[in-house]
Protein backbone atom coordinates (compact mmCIF):
# COMPACT_ATOMS: atom_id res chain seq x y z
CA UNK A 1 -0.26 -0.12 0.15
CA UNK A 2 1.21 3.55 -1.00
CA UNK A 3 1.10 6.35 1.26
CA UNK A 4 -1.06 8.31 -1.48
CA UNK A 5 -3.45 5.35 -0.85
CA UNK A 6 -3.92 6.50 2.81
CA UNK A 7 -3.77 10.25 2.25
CA UNK A 8 -6.94 12.29 3.31
CA UNK A 9 -8.45 9.37 4.97
CA UNK A 10 -9.92 9.96 8.56
CA UNK A 11 -8.58 7.82 11.41
CA UNK A 12 -11.40 6.54 13.58
CA UNK A 13 -10.98 4.80 17.19
CA UNK A 14 -13.41 1.95 16.79
CA UNK A 15 -13.32 1.59 21.13
CA UNK A 16 -14.55 5.28 21.62
CA UNK A 17 -15.82 6.06 17.92
CA UNK A 18 -14.00 9.26 17.96
CA UNK A 19 -12.40 10.74 14.97
CA UNK A 20 -8.41 11.18 15.78
CA UNK A 21 -7.41 13.15 12.65
CA UNK A 22 -6.38 12.77 9.07
CA UNK A 23 -3.39 10.68 7.50
CA UNK A 24 -2.13 13.99 6.05
CA UNK A 25 -1.21 15.37 9.40
CA UNK A 26 0.23 12.13 10.91
CA UNK A 27 3.61 10.55 10.65
CA UNK A 28 4.57 7.09 9.60
CA UNK A 29 7.58 5.06 11.38
CA UNK A 30 8.81 3.08 8.41
CA UNK A 31 11.37 -0.12 9.26
CA UNK A 32 14.27 0.91 7.37
CA UNK A 33 15.28 -2.84 6.77
CA UNK A 34 12.11 -4.29 5.80
CA UNK A 35 10.35 -1.03 3.98
CA UNK A 36 7.44 -1.70 5.93
CA UNK A 37 5.24 0.75 8.02
CA UNK A 38 5.79 0.14 11.67
CA UNK A 39 3.40 2.22 13.60
CA UNK A 40 1.58 5.62 12.69
CA UNK A 41 1.77 8.69 15.11
CA UNK A 42 -1.49 10.75 15.05
CA UNK A 43 -1.48 14.01 16.93
CA UNK A 44 -4.92 15.11 18.13
CA UNK A 45 -6.87 17.12 20.17
CA UNK A 46 -6.20 21.12 20.43
CA UNK A 47 -4.84 22.14 23.47
CA UNK A 48 -3.08 25.23 24.58
CA UNK A 49 0.24 23.50 25.38
CA UNK A 50 -0.16 21.38 22.29
CA UNK A 51 -1.72 18.01 20.70
CA UNK A 52 -1.82 15.23 22.56
CA UNK A 53 0.03 12.28 20.52
CA UNK A 54 -0.97 8.46 20.09
CA UNK A 55 1.00 5.91 18.23
CA UNK A 56 -0.88 3.08 16.66
CA UNK A 57 1.24 0.00 15.77
CA UNK A 58 0.54 -1.19 11.91
CA UNK A 59 -1.25 -4.36 13.83
CA UNK A 60 -3.54 -1.87 15.72
CA UNK A 61 -5.15 -0.62 12.42
CA UNK A 62 -8.17 -2.76 11.97
CA UNK A 63 -9.54 -1.88 8.62
CA UNK A 64 -8.46 0.69 5.87
CA UNK A 65 -11.78 1.62 3.91
CA UNK A 66 -12.67 3.86 1.09
CA UNK A 67 -12.65 7.05 3.46
CA UNK A 68 -11.86 5.86 6.62
CA UNK A 69 -8.96 3.84 8.88
CA UNK A 70 -10.54 2.29 11.90
CA UNK A 71 -7.76 1.83 14.74
CA UNK A 72 -7.97 -0.12 18.01
CA UNK A 73 -6.53 2.16 20.60
CA UNK A 74 -5.91 -0.65 23.06
CA UNK A 75 -2.70 -1.35 20.95
CA UNK A 76 -1.59 2.37 21.49
CA UNK A 77 1.86 2.96 22.90
CA UNK A 78 3.75 5.44 24.50
CA UNK A 79 4.96 8.34 21.89
CA UNK A 80 8.27 8.60 24.44
CA UNK A 81 8.98 4.78 24.20
CA UNK A 82 8.59 4.87 20.23
CA UNK A 83 11.03 8.19 19.78
CA UNK A 84 13.74 6.38 22.09
CA UNK A 85 13.31 3.06 19.90
CA UNK A 86 13.73 5.00 16.73
CA UNK A 87 16.77 6.80 18.16
CA UNK A 88 18.26 3.61 19.62
CA UNK A 89 17.75 1.78 16.05
CA UNK A 90 19.52 4.86 14.41
CA UNK A 91 22.61 4.41 16.58
CA UNK A 92 22.64 0.87 15.63
CA UNK A 93 22.25 1.51 12.03
CA UNK A 94 25.21 3.82 10.94
CA UNK A 95 26.28 4.14 7.35
CA UNK A 96 28.92 2.31 6.09
CA UNK A 97 30.49 5.62 4.62
CA UNK A 98 30.26 8.94 5.79
CA UNK A 99 31.51 12.44 4.57
């Protein structure tokens, strides 16, 4: 599936029936070894001090329809843990050549 296939779709939490956002306003975490999407980072809710962020692993996406993506919030992971895992992976995967 291409990112363009996901663009513009609304993200709905199946548990609570709430709209989390639109794919255009999200980030995807991609496994550089396999090229597969690992998770989707969704900012939602407008607050004075910033948006709340939820990270849904790819396995937490229950259905991709024509207009909507249905996600299972019970699979959500902590945003800070996700960032630490990404940074740790980047340190392990240093390029062979630099310059």
